[in-house]
Amino acid sequence: MQNSNVSPVNPLPPVVTALFLFIAGIEGMFSLGERGLLGGPEAVGWRLSAAQDYAFSGEIFDWMIATGQFPLEHMIRLVSYPFVHGNFTHALFACVMLLALGKMVAEVMGGVATLIVFVVSGIGGAVIFALVLDDPTPLIGAFPPVYGLIGAFTYLLWLRLGQMGEQQIRAFSLIGFLLGIQLVFGVFFGGGRDWTADVGAFVCGFVLGVVLTPGGWQSILARIRRD
């Protein structure tokens, strides 16, 4: 007998919902402020002010490494930059990808592991951005940690394809497609080099997937022993 109390819509994991609401809430505040619907005349500058205070800066990171000084006001940029976006569209696409990838990852790995992937891969992507490039452009937006979720999802898919005896290289189709799209847009419309942070975060997410997925590390060891 069918249970009539079961929701026809598969609910989002709480951690994904919380991240989405946080990002959407901040973007909503900025967008309404820019349109004069919230906060008065000074609200027009909220987004710029937030970017100045919370965006990740490769130059500031280099200064911290060179001087050995790590003030909290700058360290916080490593975890705050994903919540500040350049405009509404930037935030919209990030939220859509967060909901899709976050749901798939959280349903397998759990909420705590998903939050760890989001935060740690975001930090990893920013650090790699600073170390690889000498770019004065600040890093903002949730795309790096979302790419970390893509990395974790890629590992889950890689694991699943291996269990099914299929070609595991297919697991990397999504990241290949997304990077291809970024390349096309960069060639025809111009763009920054923040894709470096995306790739770095993807790698971090994949590695975290190995560590945090239940049975994932044991599966890797078993495969190594077979080979």
N, C-alpha and C. Protein backbone atom coordinates (compact mmCIF):
# COMPACT_ATOMS: atom_id res chain seq x y z
N MET A 1 0.85 -1.20 0.00
CA MET A 1 0.00 0.00 0.00
C MET A 1 0.88 1.25 0.00
N GLN A 2 0.58 2.20 -0.86
CA GLN A 2 1.38 3.41 -0.96
C GLN A 2 1.14 4.33 0.22
N ASN A 3 2.22 4.87 0.75
CA ASN A 3 2.13 5.80 1.88
C ASN A 3 1.78 7.18 1.37
N SER A 4 0.60 7.65 1.72
CA SER A 4 0.13 8.95 1.24
C SER A 4 0.83 10.11 1.90
N ASN A 5 1.59 9.82 2.99
CA ASN A 5 2.29 10.90 3.71
C ASN A 5 3.67 11.19 3.13
N VAL A 6 4.11 10.36 2.18
CA VAL A 6 5.42 10.58 1.57
C VAL A 6 5.34 11.73 0.58
N SER A 7 6.26 12.68 0.73
CA SER A 7 6.26 13.85 -0.15
C SER A 7 6.66 13.45 -1.56
N PRO A 8 5.97 13.97 -2.58
CA PRO A 8 6.35 13.67 -3.96
C PRO A 8 7.65 14.35 -4.37
N VAL A 9 8.08 15.32 -3.58
CA VAL A 9 9.32 16.06 -3.86
C VAL A 9 10.39 15.62 -2.88
N ASN A 10 11.52 15.16 -3.41
CA ASN A 10 12.63 14.74 -2.56
C ASN A 10 13.25 15.98 -1.92
N PRO A 11 13.15 16.14 -0.59
CA PRO A 11 13.61 17.38 0.04
C PRO A 11 15.12 17.53 -0.04
N LEU A 12 15.55 18.78 -0.04
CA LEU A 12 16.98 19.07 -0.04
C LEU A 12 17.58 18.77 1.31
N PRO A 13 18.82 18.27 1.34
CA PRO A 13 19.51 18.09 2.63
C PRO A 13 19.63 19.45 3.34
N PRO A 14 19.49 19.47 4.66
CA PRO A 14 19.50 20.74 5.40
C PRO A 14 20.74 21.60 5.16
N VAL A 15 21.93 20.97 5.05
CA VAL A 15 23.14 21.76 4.86
C VAL A 15 23.12 22.48 3.51
N VAL A 16 22.58 21.85 2.49
CA VAL A 16 22.49 22.47 1.17
C VAL A 16 21.48 23.62 1.22
N THR A 17 20.36 23.39 1.88
CA THR A 17 19.36 24.45 2.03
C THR A 17 19.93 25.65 2.76
N ALA A 18 20.69 25.39 3.82
CA ALA A 18 21.27 26.48 4.62
C ALA A 18 22.28 27.28 3.79
N LEU A 19 23.14 26.61 3.05
CA LEU A 19 24.11 27.32 2.21
C LEU A 19 23.41 28.14 1.15
N PHE A 20 22.39 27.55 0.53
CA PHE A 20 21.63 28.26 -0.50
C PHE A 20 20.96 29.51 0.08
N LEU A 21 20.31 29.38 1.22
CA LEU A 21 19.61 30.52 1.81
C LEU A 21 20.59 31.62 2.22
N PHE A 22 21.76 31.23 2.68
CA PHE A 22 22.76 32.22 3.08
C PHE A 22 23.23 33.01 1.88
N ILE A 23 23.58 32.29 0.80
CA ILE A 23 24.04 32.96 -0.41
C ILE A 23 22.93 33.81 -1.03
N ALA A 24 21.74 33.21 -1.14
CA ALA A 24 20.61 33.93 -1.75
C ALA A 24 20.20 35.13 -0.90
N GLY A 25 20.26 34.99 0.42
CA GLY A 25 19.88 36.10 1.29
C GLY A 25 20.82 37.29 1.15
N ILE A 26 22.11 37.00 1.10
CA ILE A 26 23.09 38.08 0.93
C ILE A 26 22.91 38.75 -0.43
N GLU A 27 22.75 37.93 -1.49
CA GLU A 27 22.57 38.49 -2.82
C GLU A 27 21.27 39.29 -2.91
N GLY A 28 20.21 38.79 -2.28
CA GLY A 28 18.95 39.52 -2.27
C GLY A 28 19.09 40.89 -1.61
N MET A 29 19.84 40.95 -0.52
CA MET A 29 20.07 42.21 0.16
C MET A 29 20.82 43.19 -0.74
N PHE A 30 21.88 42.68 -1.41
CA PHE A 30 22.64 43.55 -2.30
C PHE A 30 21.78 44.04 -3.48
N SER A 31 21.03 43.13 -4.08
CA SER A 31 20.23 43.48 -5.26
C SER A 31 19.14 44.48 -4.91
N LEU A 32 18.48 44.27 -3.79
CA LEU A 32 17.43 45.21 -3.37
C LEU A 32 18.03 46.57 -3.01
N GLY A 33 19.21 46.54 -2.40
CA GLY A 33 19.87 47.80 -2.07
C GLY A 33 20.25 48.58 -3.30
N GLU A 34 20.73 47.90 -4.35
CA GLU A 34 21.12 48.57 -5.59
C GLU A 34 19.92 49.18 -6.30
N ARG A 35 18.74 48.61 -6.08
CA ARG A 35 17.52 49.13 -6.71
C ARG A 35 16.79 50.15 -5.84
N GLY A 36 17.40 50.49 -4.71
CA GLY A 36 16.80 51.48 -3.83
C GLY A 36 15.62 50.98 -3.04
N LEU A 37 15.45 49.66 -2.94
CA LEU A 37 14.31 49.08 -2.24
C LEU A 37 14.64 48.69 -0.80
N LEU A 38 15.89 48.86 -0.42
CA LEU A 38 16.31 48.46 0.91
C LEU A 38 17.52 49.29 1.34
N GLY A 39 17.48 49.78 2.57
CA GLY A 39 18.66 50.37 3.16
C GLY A 39 18.96 51.82 2.86
N GLY A 40 18.20 52.45 2.00
CA GLY A 40 18.45 53.86 1.71
C GLY A 40 19.56 54.06 0.69
N PRO A 41 19.97 55.30 0.48
CA PRO A 41 20.97 55.63 -0.56
C PRO A 41 22.30 54.92 -0.38
N GLU A 42 22.73 54.70 0.87
CA GLU A 42 24.04 54.08 1.09
C GLU A 42 24.05 52.60 0.70
N ALA A 43 22.88 52.00 0.54
CA ALA A 43 22.81 50.57 0.20
C ALA A 43 23.35 50.27 -1.19
N VAL A 44 23.44 51.29 -2.03
CA VAL A 44 23.97 51.09 -3.39
C VAL A 44 25.41 50.57 -3.33
N GLY A 45 26.12 50.95 -2.30
CA GLY A 45 27.52 50.55 -2.19
C GLY A 45 27.76 49.32 -1.33
N TRP A 46 26.71 48.63 -0.92
CA TRP A 46 26.89 47.46 -0.07
C TRP A 46 27.74 46.37 -0.73
N ARG A 47 27.47 46.10 -2.00
CA ARG A 47 28.20 45.02 -2.67
C ARG A 47 29.70 45.35 -2.76
N LEU A 48 30.00 46.58 -3.16
CA LEU A 48 31.40 46.99 -3.27
C LEU A 48 32.10 46.95 -1.92
N SER A 49 31.40 47.40 -0.90
CA SER A 49 31.98 47.40 0.44
C SER A 49 32.25 45.97 0.92
N ALA A 50 31.31 45.07 0.64
CA ALA A 50 31.49 43.67 1.04
C ALA A 50 32.65 43.04 0.30
N ALA A 51 32.79 43.38 -0.99
CA ALA A 51 33.90 42.84 -1.78
C ALA A 51 35.24 43.32 -1.22
N GLN A 52 35.29 44.57 -0.81
CA GLN A 52 36.53 45.11 -0.26
C GLN A 52 36.91 44.43 1.06
N ASP A 53 35.90 44.08 1.85
CA ASP A 53 36.15 43.52 3.18
C ASP A 53 36.25 42.00 3.20
N TYR A 54 35.57 41.33 2.26
CA TYR A 54 35.45 39.87 2.37
C TYR A 54 35.91 39.09 1.15
N ALA A 55 36.24 39.76 0.04
CA ALA A 55 36.77 39.03 -1.12
C ALA A 55 38.16 38.49 -0.80
N PHE A 56 38.52 37.39 -1.46
CA PHE A 56 39.87 36.86 -1.27
C PHE A 56 40.83 37.61 -2.17
N SER A 57 41.94 38.04 -1.61
CA SER A 57 42.94 38.79 -2.35
C SER A 57 44.25 38.00 -2.39
N GLY A 58 44.70 37.68 -3.59
CA GLY A 58 45.99 37.01 -3.73
C GLY A 58 47.13 37.86 -3.23
N GLU A 59 47.02 39.17 -3.43
CA GLU A 59 48.09 40.06 -2.97
C GLU A 59 48.18 40.08 -1.45
N ILE A 60 47.02 40.11 -0.78
CA ILE A 60 47.02 40.08 0.68
C ILE A 60 47.55 38.74 1.18
N PHE A 61 47.17 37.67 0.50
CA PHE A 61 47.65 36.34 0.89
C PHE A 61 49.17 36.27 0.75
N ASP A 62 49.70 36.80 -0.34
CA ASP A 62 51.15 36.81 -0.53
C ASP A 62 51.83 37.62 0.57
N TRP A 63 51.21 38.73 0.95
CA TRP A 63 51.77 39.55 2.04
C TRP A 63 51.78 38.78 3.35
N MET A 64 50.72 38.03 3.63
CA MET A 64 50.68 37.26 4.87
C MET A 64 51.77 36.19 4.89
N ILE A 65 51.97 35.52 3.75
CA ILE A 65 53.01 34.50 3.68
C ILE A 65 54.39 35.12 3.85
N ALA A 66 54.61 36.27 3.20
CA ALA A 66 55.92 36.92 3.23
C ALA A 66 56.26 37.45 4.62
N THR A 67 55.28 37.98 5.33
CA THR A 67 55.53 38.60 6.63
C THR A 67 55.31 37.66 7.80
N GLY A 68 54.62 36.54 7.55
CA GLY A 68 54.31 35.64 8.65
C GLY A 68 53.23 36.16 9.56
N GLN A 69 52.49 37.15 9.09
CA GLN A 69 51.38 37.72 9.87
C GLN A 69 50.06 37.26 9.25
N PHE A 70 49.15 36.78 10.11
CA PHE A 70 47.89 36.25 9.63
C PHE A 70 46.73 36.82 10.43
N PRO A 71 46.44 38.11 10.24
CA PRO A 71 45.34 38.74 11.00
C PRO A 71 43.99 38.13 10.61
N LEU A 72 43.12 38.03 11.60
CA LEU A 72 41.81 37.41 11.40
C LEU A 72 41.01 38.11 10.31
N GLU A 73 41.14 39.45 10.23
CA GLU A 73 40.37 40.20 9.25
C GLU A 73 40.71 39.81 7.81
N HIS A 74 41.89 39.25 7.60
CA HIS A 74 42.28 38.78 6.27
C HIS A 74 42.13 37.27 6.13
N MET A 75 42.35 36.52 7.20
CA MET A 75 42.17 35.07 7.15
C MET A 75 40.71 34.71 6.85
N ILE A 76 39.80 35.54 7.35
CA ILE A 76 38.38 35.25 7.14
C ILE A 76 38.00 35.29 5.67
N ARG A 77 38.80 35.98 4.87
CA ARG A 77 38.51 36.08 3.44
C ARG A 77 38.52 34.69 2.76
N LEU A 78 39.28 33.76 3.32
CA LEU A 78 39.36 32.42 2.75
C LEU A 78 38.01 31.70 2.78
N VAL A 79 37.17 32.04 3.75
CA VAL A 79 35.87 31.38 3.86
C VAL A 79 34.70 32.31 3.56
N SER A 80 34.96 33.60 3.44
CA SER A 80 33.87 34.54 3.21
C SER A 80 33.65 34.87 1.74
N TYR A 81 34.70 34.73 0.91
CA TYR A 81 34.57 35.16 -0.48
C TYR A 81 33.48 34.44 -1.27
N PRO A 82 33.14 33.15 -0.96
CA PRO A 82 32.09 32.49 -1.75
C PRO A 82 30.70 33.10 -1.57
N PHE A 83 30.52 33.94 -0.56
CA PHE A 83 29.19 34.49 -0.28
C PHE A 83 28.99 35.90 -0.84
N VAL A 84 29.99 36.40 -1.55
CA VAL A 84 29.89 37.71 -2.19
C VAL A 84 30.01 37.50 -3.70
N HIS A 85 29.02 37.98 -4.47
CA HIS A 85 29.02 37.78 -5.92
C HIS A 85 29.04 39.12 -6.64
N GLY A 86 29.46 39.05 -7.89
CA GLY A 86 29.59 40.28 -8.67
C GLY A 86 28.26 40.88 -9.08
N ASN A 87 27.24 40.04 -9.28
CA ASN A 87 25.92 40.51 -9.66
C ASN A 87 24.91 39.40 -9.44
N PHE A 88 23.65 39.70 -9.73
CA PHE A 88 22.58 38.73 -9.48
C PHE A 88 22.76 37.46 -10.31
N THR A 89 23.13 37.60 -11.58
CA THR A 89 23.29 36.45 -12.46
C THR A 89 24.41 35.54 -11.96
N HIS A 90 25.48 36.13 -11.53
CA HIS A 90 26.62 35.38 -10.97
C HIS A 90 26.14 34.51 -9.81
N ALA A 91 25.38 35.11 -8.91
CA ALA A 91 24.87 34.38 -7.75
C ALA A 91 23.84 33.33 -8.15
N LEU A 92 23.01 33.65 -9.14
CA LEU A 92 21.96 32.72 -9.58
C LEU A 92 22.55 31.42 -10.09
N PHE A 93 23.53 31.51 -10.98
CA PHE A 93 24.14 30.31 -11.53
C PHE A 93 24.85 29.50 -10.45
N ALA A 94 25.50 30.21 -9.54
CA ALA A 94 26.18 29.51 -8.44
C ALA A 94 25.17 28.76 -7.57
N CYS A 95 24.03 29.39 -7.29
CA CYS A 95 23.00 28.76 -6.47
C CYS A 95 22.40 27.54 -7.15
N VAL A 96 22.15 27.64 -8.44
CA VAL A 96 21.58 26.51 -9.18
C VAL A 96 22.52 25.31 -9.13
N MET A 97 23.81 25.56 -9.35
CA MET A 97 24.78 24.47 -9.31
C MET A 97 24.95 23.92 -7.89
N LEU A 98 24.89 24.80 -6.91
CA LEU A 98 24.98 24.36 -5.52
C LEU A 98 23.84 23.42 -5.16
N LEU A 99 22.62 23.78 -5.56
CA LEU A 99 21.46 22.95 -5.24
C LEU A 99 21.58 21.58 -5.91
N ALA A 100 21.99 21.56 -7.16
CA ALA A 100 22.06 20.30 -7.90
C ALA A 100 23.18 19.40 -7.38
N LEU A 101 24.39 19.95 -7.31
CA LEU A 101 25.54 19.14 -6.90
C LEU A 101 25.51 18.85 -5.41
N GLY A 102 25.12 19.85 -4.63
CA GLY A 102 25.07 19.66 -3.18
C GLY A 102 24.11 18.56 -2.78
N LYS A 103 22.98 18.51 -3.44
CA LYS A 103 21.98 17.48 -3.13
C LYS A 103 22.53 16.09 -3.41
N MET A 104 23.15 15.91 -4.56
CA MET A 104 23.67 14.59 -4.94
C MET A 104 24.80 14.15 -4.01
N VAL A 105 25.66 15.10 -3.64
CA VAL A 105 26.78 14.75 -2.77
C VAL A 105 26.30 14.46 -1.35
N ALA A 106 25.40 15.31 -0.83
CA ALA A 106 24.95 15.16 0.55
C ALA A 106 24.15 13.88 0.76
N GLU A 107 23.42 13.46 -0.25
CA GLU A 107 22.63 12.25 -0.10
C GLU A 107 23.50 11.00 0.05
N VAL A 108 24.73 11.06 -0.43
CA VAL A 108 25.64 9.92 -0.30
C VAL A 108 26.61 10.12 0.86
N MET A 109 27.20 11.30 0.95
CA MET A 109 28.27 11.54 1.91
C MET A 109 27.78 12.07 3.25
N GLY A 110 26.56 12.63 3.27
CA GLY A 110 26.04 13.21 4.50
C GLY A 110 26.28 14.71 4.58
N GLY A 111 25.54 15.36 5.46
CA GLY A 111 25.59 16.81 5.54
C GLY A 111 26.91 17.36 6.03
N VAL A 112 27.49 16.75 7.06
CA VAL A 112 28.75 17.26 7.62
C VAL A 112 29.86 17.16 6.59
N ALA A 113 29.95 16.02 5.92
CA ALA A 113 30.99 15.85 4.90
C ALA A 113 30.81 16.83 3.75
N THR A 114 29.56 17.09 3.38
CA THR A 114 29.30 18.04 2.29
C THR A 114 29.75 19.44 2.68
N LEU A 115 29.48 19.82 3.92
CA LEU A 115 29.92 21.14 4.39
C LEU A 115 31.45 21.21 4.41
N ILE A 116 32.10 20.14 4.82
CA ILE A 116 33.57 20.11 4.83
C ILE A 116 34.10 20.29 3.41
N VAL A 117 33.50 19.58 2.45
CA VAL A 117 33.94 19.70 1.05
C VAL A 117 33.77 21.14 0.58
N PHE A 118 32.62 21.74 0.87
CA PHE A 118 32.35 23.11 0.43
C PHE A 118 33.37 24.08 1.00
N VAL A 119 33.62 24.00 2.29
CA VAL A 119 34.51 24.96 2.96
C VAL A 119 35.97 24.71 2.59
N VAL A 120 36.42 23.47 2.71
CA VAL A 120 37.84 23.17 2.51
C VAL A 120 38.25 23.32 1.05
N SER A 121 37.38 22.89 0.12
CA SER A 121 37.73 23.05 -1.30
C SER A 121 37.71 24.52 -1.69
N GLY A 122 36.83 25.31 -1.06
CA GLY A 122 36.84 26.75 -1.30
C GLY A 122 38.15 27.38 -0.85
N ILE A 123 38.63 26.96 0.31
CA ILE A 123 39.92 27.45 0.80
C ILE A 123 41.04 26.99 -0.11
N GLY A 124 41.01 25.70 -0.49
CA GLY A 124 42.05 25.17 -1.35
C GLY A 124 42.10 25.86 -2.69
N GLY A 125 40.93 26.12 -3.28
CA GLY A 125 40.89 26.82 -4.56
C GLY A 125 41.48 28.22 -4.48
N ALA A 126 41.18 28.92 -3.39
CA ALA A 126 41.71 30.27 -3.21
C ALA A 126 43.22 30.26 -3.03
N VAL A 127 43.72 29.31 -2.25
CA VAL A 127 45.17 29.23 -2.01
C VAL A 127 45.90 28.92 -3.32
N ILE A 128 45.36 27.99 -4.10
CA ILE A 128 45.99 27.65 -5.38
C ILE A 128 45.93 28.85 -6.32
N PHE A 129 44.82 29.58 -6.33
CA PHE A 129 44.69 30.80 -7.12
C PHE A 129 45.80 31.78 -6.78
N ALA A 130 46.08 31.93 -5.48
CA ALA A 130 47.11 32.89 -5.04
C ALA A 130 48.51 32.40 -5.36
N LEU A 131 48.75 31.10 -5.22
CA LEU A 131 50.10 30.56 -5.40
C LEU A 131 50.48 30.45 -6.88
N VAL A 132 49.51 30.10 -7.72
CA VAL A 132 49.80 29.89 -9.14
C VAL A 132 49.87 31.21 -9.90
N LEU A 133 48.99 32.15 -9.55
CA LEU A 133 48.90 33.40 -10.30
C LEU A 133 49.43 34.57 -9.48
N ASP A 134 49.81 35.60 -10.19
CA ASP A 134 50.13 36.88 -9.57
C ASP A 134 49.08 37.86 -10.08
N ASP A 135 47.85 37.65 -9.64
CA ASP A 135 46.70 38.37 -10.18
C ASP A 135 46.13 39.30 -9.11
N PRO A 136 46.09 40.60 -9.37
CA PRO A 136 45.55 41.53 -8.38
C PRO A 136 44.03 41.51 -8.27
N THR A 137 43.37 40.83 -9.22
CA THR A 137 41.90 40.79 -9.20
C THR A 137 41.41 39.96 -8.02
N PRO A 138 40.53 40.50 -7.20
CA PRO A 138 40.02 39.72 -6.06
C PRO A 138 39.14 38.56 -6.51
N LEU A 139 39.11 37.53 -5.70
CA LEU A 139 38.31 36.33 -6.00
C LEU A 139 37.02 36.38 -5.20
N ILE A 140 35.89 36.30 -5.89
CA ILE A 140 34.59 36.29 -5.22
C ILE A 140 33.71 35.22 -5.85
N GLY A 141 32.67 34.84 -5.14
CA GLY A 141 31.67 33.94 -5.69
C GLY A 141 31.84 32.50 -5.25
N ALA A 142 30.73 31.76 -5.31
CA ALA A 142 30.69 30.39 -4.80
C ALA A 142 31.14 29.34 -5.80
N PHE A 143 31.59 29.75 -6.98
CA PHE A 143 31.97 28.75 -7.97
C PHE A 143 33.11 27.84 -7.53
N PRO A 144 34.19 28.34 -6.89
CA PRO A 144 35.23 27.40 -6.45
C PRO A 144 34.71 26.31 -5.51
N PRO A 145 34.00 26.64 -4.42
CA PRO A 145 33.50 25.54 -3.58
C PRO A 145 32.47 24.67 -4.30
N VAL A 146 31.71 25.24 -5.23
CA VAL A 146 30.79 24.41 -6.01
C VAL A 146 31.58 23.43 -6.88
N TYR A 147 32.69 23.90 -7.43
CA TYR A 147 33.56 22.99 -8.18
C TYR A 147 34.15 21.94 -7.26
N GLY A 148 34.34 22.27 -5.99
CA GLY A 148 34.75 21.26 -5.03
C GLY A 148 33.69 20.17 -4.89
N LEU A 149 32.42 20.57 -4.87
CA LEU A 149 31.33 19.60 -4.84
C LEU A 149 31.32 18.77 -6.12
N ILE A 150 31.64 19.40 -7.25
CA ILE A 150 31.73 18.65 -8.51
C ILE A 150 32.85 17.61 -8.40
N GLY A 151 33.95 17.98 -7.77
CA GLY A 151 35.04 17.03 -7.57
C GLY A 151 34.60 15.84 -6.73
N ALA A 152 33.88 16.10 -5.64
CA ALA A 152 33.38 15.01 -4.79
C ALA A 152 32.38 14.15 -5.55
N PHE A 153 31.49 14.79 -6.32
CA PHE A 153 30.53 14.04 -7.12
C PHE A 153 31.23 13.20 -8.18
N THR A 154 32.29 13.74 -8.78
CA THR A 154 33.05 13.00 -9.77
C THR A 154 33.65 11.74 -9.16
N TYR A 155 34.16 11.86 -7.92
CA TYR A 155 34.69 10.67 -7.27
C TYR A 155 33.59 9.65 -7.03
N LEU A 156 32.41 10.10 -6.57
CA LEU A 156 31.30 9.18 -6.33
C LEU A 156 30.91 8.47 -7.63
N LEU A 157 30.87 9.22 -8.72
CA LEU A 157 30.53 8.62 -10.01
C LEU A 157 31.64 7.67 -10.47
N TRP A 158 32.90 8.06 -10.27
CA TRP A 158 34.03 7.21 -10.61
C TRP A 158 33.95 5.88 -9.85
N LEU A 159 33.60 5.96 -8.59
CA LEU A 159 33.47 4.77 -7.76
C LEU A 159 32.33 3.90 -8.26
N ARG A 160 31.21 4.53 -8.59
CA ARG A 160 30.04 3.79 -9.06
C ARG A 160 30.31 3.10 -10.39
N LEU A 161 30.96 3.79 -11.31
CA LEU A 161 31.27 3.19 -12.61
C LEU A 161 32.22 2.01 -12.46
N GLY A 162 33.15 2.12 -11.51
CA GLY A 162 34.06 1.01 -11.26
C GLY A 162 33.32 -0.20 -10.74
N GLN A 163 32.35 0.02 -9.85
CA GLN A 163 31.56 -1.08 -9.32
C GLN A 163 30.73 -1.75 -10.41
N MET A 164 30.34 -0.98 -11.41
CA MET A 164 29.52 -1.51 -12.51
C MET A 164 30.37 -2.10 -13.63
N GLY A 165 31.70 -1.97 -13.50
CA GLY A 165 32.59 -2.50 -14.52
C GLY A 165 32.63 -1.68 -15.78
N GLU A 166 32.27 -0.38 -15.68
CA GLU A 166 32.27 0.49 -16.85
C GLU A 166 33.49 1.41 -16.83
N GLN A 167 33.69 2.12 -17.92
CA GLN A 167 34.85 3.00 -18.04
C GLN A 167 34.75 4.16 -17.05
N GLN A 168 35.70 4.22 -16.13
CA GLN A 168 35.63 5.23 -15.07
C GLN A 168 36.00 6.62 -15.57
N ILE A 169 36.67 6.69 -16.72
CA ILE A 169 37.03 8.00 -17.27
C ILE A 169 35.79 8.83 -17.57
N ARG A 170 34.65 8.18 -17.76
CA ARG A 170 33.39 8.89 -18.03
C ARG A 170 32.99 9.79 -16.86
N ALA A 171 33.49 9.49 -15.68
CA ALA A 171 33.16 10.30 -14.51
C ALA A 171 33.64 11.73 -14.66
N PHE A 172 34.64 11.96 -15.51
CA PHE A 172 35.21 13.29 -15.66
C PHE A 172 34.56 14.07 -16.80
N SER A 173 33.48 13.56 -17.34
CA SER A 173 32.80 14.24 -18.46
C SER A 173 32.25 15.60 -18.03
N LEU A 174 31.69 15.67 -16.82
CA LEU A 174 31.08 16.92 -16.35
C LEU A 174 32.12 18.02 -16.21
N ILE A 175 33.22 17.74 -15.54
CA ILE A 175 34.24 18.78 -15.36
C ILE A 175 34.84 19.17 -16.69
N GLY A 176 35.00 18.20 -17.60
CA GLY A 176 35.52 18.52 -18.93
C GLY A 176 34.59 19.43 -19.69
N PHE A 177 33.29 19.16 -19.59
CA PHE A 177 32.29 20.00 -20.28
C PHE A 177 32.29 21.41 -19.71
N LEU A 178 32.31 21.53 -18.39
CA LEU A 178 32.25 22.85 -17.76
C LEU A 178 33.49 23.67 -18.07
N LEU A 179 34.66 23.05 -18.03
CA LEU A 179 35.88 23.78 -18.35
C LEU A 179 35.91 24.16 -19.82
N GLY A 180 35.34 23.32 -20.68
CA GLY A 180 35.23 23.66 -22.09
C GLY A 180 34.36 24.88 -22.31
N ILE A 181 33.23 24.94 -21.60
CA ILE A 181 32.35 26.10 -21.69
C ILE A 181 33.07 27.36 -21.23
N GLN A 182 33.82 27.24 -20.13
CA GLN A 182 34.57 28.40 -19.64
C GLN A 182 35.60 28.87 -20.66
N LEU A 183 36.25 27.93 -21.32
CA LEU A 183 37.25 28.29 -22.32
C LEU A 183 36.60 29.03 -23.48
N VAL A 184 35.46 28.55 -23.95
CA VAL A 184 34.76 29.20 -25.06
C VAL A 184 34.35 30.61 -24.68
N PHE A 185 33.77 30.78 -23.49
CA PHE A 185 33.36 32.11 -23.05
C PHE A 185 34.57 33.02 -22.89
N GLY A 186 35.68 32.46 -22.39
CA GLY A 186 36.87 33.27 -22.21
C GLY A 186 37.43 33.76 -23.53
N VAL A 187 37.38 32.91 -24.57
CA VAL A 187 37.90 33.28 -25.88
C VAL A 187 37.04 34.34 -26.55
N PHE A 188 35.70 34.17 -26.50
CA PHE A 188 34.81 35.04 -27.24
C PHE A 188 34.33 36.27 -26.45
N PHE A 189 34.28 36.15 -25.13
CA PHE A 189 33.72 37.25 -24.34
C PHE A 189 34.71 37.81 -23.33
N GLY A 190 35.87 37.21 -23.25
CA GLY A 190 36.85 37.68 -22.28
C GLY A 190 36.53 37.15 -20.89
N GLY A 191 37.45 37.24 -20.03
CA GLY A 191 37.22 36.75 -18.67
C GLY A 191 38.51 36.72 -17.89
N GLY A 192 38.37 36.55 -16.58
CA GLY A 192 39.53 36.51 -15.72
C GLY A 192 40.14 35.12 -15.65
N ARG A 193 41.06 34.98 -14.74
CA ARG A 193 41.75 33.71 -14.58
C ARG A 193 41.30 32.98 -13.32
N ASP A 194 40.08 33.30 -12.86
CA ASP A 194 39.58 32.64 -11.66
C ASP A 194 39.27 31.17 -11.88
N TRP A 195 39.32 30.70 -13.16
CA TRP A 195 39.14 29.28 -13.42
C TRP A 195 40.23 28.47 -12.72
N THR A 196 41.35 29.10 -12.42
CA THR A 196 42.41 28.41 -11.69
C THR A 196 41.92 27.98 -10.32
N ALA A 197 41.16 28.84 -9.67
CA ALA A 197 40.58 28.50 -8.37
C ALA A 197 39.56 27.38 -8.52
N ASP A 198 38.79 27.40 -9.62
CA ASP A 198 37.80 26.36 -9.85
C ASP A 198 38.47 24.99 -9.99
N VAL A 199 39.53 24.94 -10.79
CA VAL A 199 40.24 23.67 -11.01
C VAL A 199 40.88 23.19 -9.71
N GLY A 200 41.50 24.11 -8.99
CA GLY A 200 42.11 23.75 -7.71
C GLY A 200 41.09 23.21 -6.72
N ALA A 201 39.93 23.85 -6.67
CA ALA A 201 38.87 23.40 -5.77
C ALA A 201 38.33 22.04 -6.20
N PHE A 202 38.24 21.82 -7.52
CA PHE A 202 37.78 20.52 -8.02
C PHE A 202 38.71 19.41 -7.54
N VAL A 203 40.01 19.63 -7.66
CA VAL A 203 40.98 18.63 -7.21
C VAL A 203 40.83 18.38 -5.70
N CYS A 204 40.68 19.46 -4.93
CA CYS A 204 40.49 19.31 -3.49
C CYS A 204 39.22 18.52 -3.19
N GLY A 205 38.14 18.82 -3.91
CA GLY A 205 36.88 18.12 -3.69
C GLY A 205 36.99 16.64 -4.02
N PHE A 206 37.72 16.32 -5.09
CA PHE A 206 37.90 14.91 -5.46
C PHE A 206 38.65 14.16 -4.37
N VAL A 207 39.74 14.77 -3.88
CA VAL A 207 40.53 14.14 -2.81
C VAL A 207 39.70 13.98 -1.54
N LEU A 208 38.93 15.00 -1.20
CA LEU A 208 38.07 14.93 -0.03
C LEU A 208 37.01 13.85 -0.20
N GLY A 209 36.54 13.67 -1.43
CA GLY A 209 35.59 12.61 -1.69
C GLY A 209 36.17 11.25 -1.35
N VAL A 210 37.44 11.03 -1.70
CA VAL A 210 38.11 9.78 -1.38
C VAL A 210 38.15 9.56 0.13
N VAL A 211 38.45 10.64 0.87
CA VAL A 211 38.63 10.54 2.32
C VAL A 211 37.29 10.43 3.05
N LEU A 212 36.28 11.17 2.59
CA LEU A 212 35.05 11.31 3.35
C LEU A 212 33.93 10.36 2.94
N THR A 213 33.99 9.81 1.74
CA THR A 213 32.94 8.90 1.30
C THR A 213 33.02 7.60 2.10
N PRO A 214 31.91 7.15 2.67
CA PRO A 214 31.94 5.88 3.41
C PRO A 214 32.45 4.73 2.53
N GLY A 215 33.53 4.10 2.98
CA GLY A 215 34.10 2.99 2.23
C GLY A 215 34.96 3.40 1.05
N GLY A 216 35.10 4.70 0.82
CA GLY A 216 35.84 5.16 -0.35
C GLY A 216 37.32 4.83 -0.30
N TRP A 217 37.97 5.10 0.84
CA TRP A 217 39.39 4.84 0.97
C TRP A 217 39.68 3.35 0.91
N GLN A 218 38.79 2.54 1.52
CA GLN A 218 38.97 1.10 1.48
C GLN A 218 38.86 0.58 0.05
N SER A 219 37.98 1.20 -0.74
CA SER A 219 37.83 0.80 -2.14
C SER A 219 39.09 1.10 -2.93
N ILE A 220 39.71 2.24 -2.67
CA ILE A 220 40.96 2.60 -3.35
C ILE A 220 42.06 1.59 -3.00
N LEU A 221 42.19 1.27 -1.71
CA LEU A 221 43.22 0.32 -1.28
C LEU A 221 43.00 -1.05 -1.90
N ALA A 222 41.73 -1.47 -1.95
CA ALA A 222 41.42 -2.78 -2.54
C ALA A 222 41.79 -2.80 -4.03
N ARG A 223 41.55 -1.70 -4.72
CA ARG A 223 41.89 -1.64 -6.14
C ARG A 223 43.40 -1.68 -6.33
N ILE A 224 44.13 -0.98 -5.46
CA ILE A 224 45.59 -0.99 -5.55
C ILE A 224 46.13 -2.40 -5.33
N ARG A 225 45.57 -3.12 -4.38
CA ARG A 225 46.03 -4.49 -4.11
C ARG A 225 45.75 -5.41 -5.28
N ARG A 226 44.61 -5.22 -5.95
CA ARG A 226 44.26 -6.06 -7.11
C ARG A 226 45.23 -5.81 -8.26
N ASP A 227 45.60 -4.49 -8.41
CA ASP A 227 46.49 -4.15 -9.52
C ASP A 227 47.93 -4.58 -9.22
